[in-house]
N, C-alpha and C. Protein backbone atom coordinates (compact mmCIF):
# COMPACT_ATOMS: atom_id res chain seq x y z
N MET A 1 -146.07 -29.10 3.14
CA MET A 1 -146.67 -29.85 4.21
C MET A 1 -145.62 -30.70 4.91
N GLY A 2 -144.85 -31.47 4.14
CA GLY A 2 -143.80 -32.24 4.79
C GLY A 2 -143.58 -33.60 4.16
N PRO A 3 -142.64 -34.35 4.72
CA PRO A 3 -142.29 -35.66 4.16
C PRO A 3 -143.39 -36.70 4.41
N VAL A 4 -143.49 -37.62 3.47
CA VAL A 4 -144.43 -38.74 3.59
C VAL A 4 -143.72 -39.99 3.08
N GLN A 5 -143.98 -41.14 3.71
CA GLN A 5 -143.30 -42.38 3.33
C GLN A 5 -144.24 -43.56 3.53
N VAL A 6 -144.16 -44.54 2.64
CA VAL A 6 -144.92 -45.78 2.77
C VAL A 6 -143.99 -46.96 2.52
N ARG A 7 -144.37 -48.11 3.07
CA ARG A 7 -143.60 -49.33 2.84
C ARG A 7 -144.57 -50.49 2.66
N LEU A 8 -144.36 -51.26 1.61
CA LEU A 8 -145.15 -52.45 1.33
C LEU A 8 -144.22 -53.65 1.32
N SER A 9 -144.73 -54.79 1.77
CA SER A 9 -143.91 -56.00 1.69
C SER A 9 -144.82 -57.20 1.43
N GLY A 10 -144.24 -58.21 0.84
CA GLY A 10 -144.97 -59.43 0.55
C GLY A 10 -143.99 -60.57 0.31
N VAL A 11 -144.48 -61.78 0.40
CA VAL A 11 -143.64 -62.97 0.24
C VAL A 11 -144.09 -63.72 -1.01
N VAL A 12 -143.14 -64.10 -1.84
CA VAL A 12 -143.43 -64.92 -3.01
C VAL A 12 -142.63 -66.21 -2.92
N LYS A 13 -143.14 -67.25 -3.53
CA LYS A 13 -142.46 -68.55 -3.51
C LYS A 13 -141.83 -68.84 -4.86
N VAL A 14 -140.81 -69.66 -4.83
CA VAL A 14 -140.11 -70.10 -6.03
C VAL A 14 -140.20 -71.62 -6.07
N ASP A 15 -140.51 -72.19 -7.24
CA ASP A 15 -140.65 -73.65 -7.33
C ASP A 15 -139.28 -74.32 -7.41
N GLU A 16 -139.30 -75.64 -7.57
CA GLU A 16 -138.05 -76.42 -7.57
C GLU A 16 -137.14 -76.08 -8.74
N ASN A 17 -137.67 -75.46 -9.79
CA ASN A 17 -136.85 -75.06 -10.94
C ASN A 17 -136.42 -73.60 -10.87
N ASP A 18 -136.55 -72.99 -9.70
CA ASP A 18 -136.22 -71.58 -9.47
C ASP A 18 -137.05 -70.62 -10.32
N HIS A 19 -138.28 -71.01 -10.65
CA HIS A 19 -139.20 -70.11 -11.33
C HIS A 19 -140.15 -69.54 -10.29
N GLU A 20 -140.33 -68.24 -10.33
CA GLU A 20 -141.20 -67.59 -9.36
C GLU A 20 -142.65 -67.97 -9.61
N VAL A 21 -143.34 -68.36 -8.54
CA VAL A 21 -144.76 -68.67 -8.62
C VAL A 21 -145.52 -67.35 -8.62
N PRO A 22 -146.37 -67.10 -9.62
CA PRO A 22 -147.10 -65.82 -9.67
C PRO A 22 -147.90 -65.59 -8.38
N SER A 23 -147.85 -64.37 -7.90
CA SER A 23 -148.51 -64.05 -6.65
C SER A 23 -149.09 -62.65 -6.70
N VAL A 24 -150.29 -62.50 -6.16
CA VAL A 24 -150.88 -61.17 -6.06
C VAL A 24 -150.38 -60.44 -4.82
N ASN A 25 -149.62 -61.13 -3.98
CA ASN A 25 -149.09 -60.53 -2.76
C ASN A 25 -147.80 -59.77 -2.98
N ALA A 26 -147.21 -59.88 -4.16
CA ALA A 26 -145.94 -59.21 -4.43
C ALA A 26 -146.18 -57.73 -4.72
N PRO A 27 -145.69 -56.84 -3.87
CA PRO A 27 -145.90 -55.41 -4.12
C PRO A 27 -145.05 -54.90 -5.26
N THR A 28 -145.50 -53.82 -5.88
CA THR A 28 -144.76 -53.20 -6.98
C THR A 28 -144.49 -51.74 -6.64
N VAL A 29 -143.57 -51.15 -7.38
CA VAL A 29 -143.26 -49.73 -7.19
C VAL A 29 -144.48 -48.88 -7.53
N ALA A 30 -145.22 -49.27 -8.56
CA ALA A 30 -146.42 -48.52 -8.94
C ALA A 30 -147.44 -48.50 -7.80
N GLU A 31 -147.63 -49.63 -7.13
CA GLU A 31 -148.55 -49.67 -5.99
C GLU A 31 -148.06 -48.79 -4.86
N ALA A 32 -146.76 -48.80 -4.61
CA ALA A 32 -146.21 -48.00 -3.52
C ALA A 32 -146.36 -46.51 -3.79
N THR A 33 -146.10 -46.08 -5.02
CA THR A 33 -146.24 -44.65 -5.32
C THR A 33 -147.71 -44.22 -5.33
N ALA A 34 -148.61 -45.10 -5.75
CA ALA A 34 -150.04 -44.79 -5.70
C ALA A 34 -150.49 -44.65 -4.24
N LEU A 35 -150.02 -45.54 -3.38
CA LEU A 35 -150.35 -45.46 -1.96
C LEU A 35 -149.75 -44.21 -1.32
N LEU A 36 -148.57 -43.83 -1.77
CA LEU A 36 -147.92 -42.61 -1.27
C LEU A 36 -148.79 -41.40 -1.58
N ASP A 37 -149.27 -41.31 -2.81
CA ASP A 37 -150.12 -40.19 -3.21
C ASP A 37 -151.43 -40.21 -2.42
N ARG A 38 -152.02 -41.38 -2.27
CA ARG A 38 -153.28 -41.50 -1.53
C ARG A 38 -153.09 -41.11 -0.07
N THR A 39 -151.99 -41.54 0.54
CA THR A 39 -151.70 -41.19 1.93
C THR A 39 -151.56 -39.69 2.10
N ALA A 40 -150.86 -39.05 1.19
CA ALA A 40 -150.69 -37.59 1.27
C ALA A 40 -152.03 -36.88 1.13
N ARG A 41 -152.86 -37.33 0.20
CA ARG A 41 -154.16 -36.68 -0.02
C ARG A 41 -155.10 -36.86 1.18
N VAL A 42 -155.06 -38.03 1.81
CA VAL A 42 -155.88 -38.26 3.00
C VAL A 42 -155.48 -37.29 4.11
N ASN A 43 -154.21 -36.93 4.16
CA ASN A 43 -153.72 -36.01 5.19
C ASN A 43 -153.83 -34.55 4.77
N GLY A 44 -154.52 -34.26 3.67
CA GLY A 44 -154.80 -32.89 3.29
C GLY A 44 -153.91 -32.29 2.22
N ALA A 45 -153.00 -33.05 1.66
CA ALA A 45 -152.12 -32.53 0.62
C ALA A 45 -152.82 -32.58 -0.74
N ASP A 46 -152.31 -31.79 -1.67
CA ASP A 46 -152.82 -31.81 -3.04
C ASP A 46 -152.01 -32.75 -3.93
N GLY A 47 -150.85 -33.16 -3.49
CA GLY A 47 -150.01 -34.04 -4.27
C GLY A 47 -148.67 -34.28 -3.59
N VAL A 48 -147.79 -35.00 -4.30
CA VAL A 48 -146.47 -35.33 -3.77
C VAL A 48 -145.43 -34.96 -4.81
N ILE A 49 -144.35 -34.33 -4.38
CA ILE A 49 -143.24 -34.00 -5.28
C ILE A 49 -141.99 -34.71 -4.79
N GLN A 50 -140.98 -34.74 -5.63
CA GLN A 50 -139.68 -35.35 -5.32
C GLN A 50 -139.86 -36.79 -4.82
N VAL A 51 -140.58 -37.59 -5.62
CA VAL A 51 -140.88 -38.97 -5.24
C VAL A 51 -139.69 -39.86 -5.54
N GLY A 52 -139.37 -40.73 -4.60
CA GLY A 52 -138.31 -41.72 -4.78
C GLY A 52 -138.83 -43.07 -4.33
N SER A 53 -138.18 -44.14 -4.76
CA SER A 53 -138.61 -45.47 -4.35
C SER A 53 -137.42 -46.41 -4.28
N ASP A 54 -137.63 -47.51 -3.58
CA ASP A 54 -136.58 -48.51 -3.39
C ASP A 54 -137.25 -49.88 -3.42
N TYR A 55 -136.67 -50.83 -4.16
CA TYR A 55 -137.24 -52.16 -4.34
C TYR A 55 -136.19 -53.19 -3.93
N HIS A 56 -136.52 -54.04 -2.96
CA HIS A 56 -135.58 -55.07 -2.50
C HIS A 56 -136.21 -56.45 -2.56
N ARG A 57 -135.42 -57.42 -2.98
CA ARG A 57 -135.80 -58.83 -2.95
C ARG A 57 -134.80 -59.55 -2.05
N ILE A 58 -135.30 -60.20 -1.01
CA ILE A 58 -134.44 -60.84 -0.02
C ILE A 58 -134.90 -62.29 0.14
N THR A 59 -134.00 -63.23 -0.06
CA THR A 59 -134.32 -64.64 0.15
C THR A 59 -134.39 -64.89 1.65
N ILE A 60 -135.55 -65.36 2.12
CA ILE A 60 -135.70 -65.57 3.55
C ILE A 60 -135.80 -67.05 3.91
N GLY A 61 -135.98 -67.91 2.95
CA GLY A 61 -136.06 -69.33 3.24
C GLY A 61 -135.77 -70.13 1.99
N ARG A 62 -134.87 -71.07 2.10
CA ARG A 62 -134.56 -71.91 0.94
C ARG A 62 -134.49 -73.34 1.44
N GLY A 63 -135.24 -74.20 0.80
CA GLY A 63 -135.26 -75.59 1.22
C GLY A 63 -135.50 -76.49 0.04
N PRO A 64 -135.64 -77.79 0.29
CA PRO A 64 -135.81 -78.74 -0.80
C PRO A 64 -137.17 -78.61 -1.49
N LEU A 65 -138.17 -78.06 -0.82
CA LEU A 65 -139.50 -77.98 -1.42
C LEU A 65 -139.79 -76.62 -2.06
N SER A 66 -139.25 -75.57 -1.51
CA SER A 66 -139.52 -74.25 -2.09
C SER A 66 -138.58 -73.21 -1.49
N THR A 67 -138.53 -72.10 -2.17
CA THR A 67 -137.77 -70.94 -1.70
C THR A 67 -138.76 -69.80 -1.51
N GLN A 68 -138.58 -69.04 -0.45
CA GLN A 68 -139.43 -67.88 -0.23
C GLN A 68 -138.59 -66.63 -0.34
N THR A 69 -139.15 -65.64 -1.00
CA THR A 69 -138.46 -64.37 -1.20
C THR A 69 -139.33 -63.25 -0.65
N LEU A 70 -138.74 -62.42 0.19
CA LEU A 70 -139.43 -61.25 0.71
C LEU A 70 -139.19 -60.10 -0.26
N ILE A 71 -140.27 -59.45 -0.67
CA ILE A 71 -140.17 -58.27 -1.52
C ILE A 71 -140.60 -57.07 -0.68
N ALA A 72 -139.72 -56.10 -0.55
CA ALA A 72 -140.02 -54.89 0.21
C ALA A 72 -139.88 -53.69 -0.72
N VAL A 73 -140.91 -52.87 -0.78
CA VAL A 73 -140.91 -51.68 -1.62
C VAL A 73 -141.21 -50.47 -0.73
N GLN A 74 -140.36 -49.47 -0.83
CA GLN A 74 -140.58 -48.22 -0.09
C GLN A 74 -140.73 -47.09 -1.10
N ALA A 75 -141.53 -46.13 -0.74
CA ALA A 75 -141.67 -44.91 -1.55
C ALA A 75 -141.73 -43.73 -0.61
N TRP A 76 -141.16 -42.62 -1.03
CA TRP A 76 -141.15 -41.43 -0.20
C TRP A 76 -141.22 -40.19 -1.07
N GLY A 77 -141.57 -39.10 -0.46
CA GLY A 77 -141.66 -37.83 -1.18
C GLY A 77 -142.05 -36.72 -0.23
N THR A 78 -142.36 -35.57 -0.80
CA THR A 78 -142.76 -34.41 -0.01
C THR A 78 -144.19 -34.05 -0.38
N ALA A 79 -145.06 -34.08 0.62
CA ALA A 79 -146.46 -33.71 0.40
C ALA A 79 -146.56 -32.20 0.28
N VAL A 80 -147.33 -31.75 -0.70
CA VAL A 80 -147.48 -30.30 -0.93
C VAL A 80 -148.97 -29.95 -1.05
N LYS A 81 -149.25 -28.72 -0.73
CA LYS A 81 -150.60 -28.19 -0.85
C LYS A 81 -150.50 -26.87 -1.58
N ALA A 82 -151.43 -26.63 -2.49
CA ALA A 82 -151.42 -25.39 -3.26
C ALA A 82 -151.64 -24.20 -2.33
N ALA A 83 -150.89 -23.15 -2.57
CA ALA A 83 -151.05 -21.94 -1.77
C ALA A 83 -152.35 -21.26 -2.15
N GLU A 84 -153.03 -20.75 -1.17
CA GLU A 84 -154.28 -20.05 -1.44
C GLU A 84 -153.99 -18.57 -1.56
N ALA A 85 -154.44 -17.98 -2.65
CA ALA A 85 -154.25 -16.55 -2.86
C ALA A 85 -155.33 -15.80 -2.09
N VAL A 86 -154.90 -14.84 -1.33
CA VAL A 86 -155.84 -14.04 -0.55
C VAL A 86 -155.98 -12.68 -1.24
N ALA A 87 -157.18 -12.35 -1.63
CA ALA A 87 -157.41 -11.06 -2.28
C ALA A 87 -157.49 -9.98 -1.21
N GLU A 88 -156.63 -9.00 -1.35
CA GLU A 88 -156.62 -7.91 -0.38
C GLU A 88 -157.57 -6.83 -0.85
N GLU A 89 -158.37 -6.34 0.07
CA GLU A 89 -159.29 -5.26 -0.25
C GLU A 89 -158.54 -3.94 -0.08
N PRO A 90 -158.72 -3.03 -1.03
CA PRO A 90 -158.03 -1.74 -0.88
C PRO A 90 -158.60 -0.99 0.32
N GLU A 91 -157.70 -0.35 1.02
CA GLU A 91 -158.13 0.40 2.20
C GLU A 91 -158.87 1.66 1.76
N ALA A 92 -159.96 1.93 2.43
CA ALA A 92 -160.74 3.14 2.12
C ALA A 92 -160.01 4.34 2.73
N PRO A 93 -159.91 5.42 1.98
CA PRO A 93 -159.23 6.59 2.54
C PRO A 93 -160.02 7.14 3.73
N ALA A 94 -159.29 7.59 4.72
CA ALA A 94 -159.93 8.14 5.92
C ALA A 94 -160.65 9.43 5.55
N GLU A 95 -161.85 9.55 6.04
CA GLU A 95 -162.63 10.76 5.73
C GLU A 95 -162.10 11.92 6.56
N GLU A 96 -161.93 13.05 5.89
CA GLU A 96 -161.47 14.24 6.60
C GLU A 96 -162.69 15.05 7.02
N PRO A 97 -162.65 15.55 8.24
CA PRO A 97 -163.79 16.38 8.66
C PRO A 97 -163.84 17.65 7.82
N ASP A 98 -165.04 18.06 7.49
CA ASP A 98 -165.21 19.28 6.69
C ASP A 98 -164.86 20.51 7.53
N ALA A 99 -164.09 21.39 6.95
CA ALA A 99 -163.75 22.63 7.64
C ALA A 99 -164.89 23.62 7.39
N ALA A 100 -165.48 24.13 8.43
CA ALA A 100 -166.61 25.03 8.25
C ALA A 100 -166.20 26.45 8.40
């Protein structure tokens, strides 16, 4: 079928002691690959092969009160669909006219 790709991002905060504040907004590789599979299936594929992913943490703001970190997760792969086997009917032999 072809290539498929998804990208998730979220922002998490860090407290004054540089400990990450737990957040449900932080995407994970597992979420990205699940979304990749779901995206492929919505578009008619049976699954995804050759899956890869990339996880980045980028500090986007640092100040006296808190630090913010952008988390970006990408996943990609190739959407595939099972080939359908077509049963061929044997050709009927041509009838020969009777010689009289």
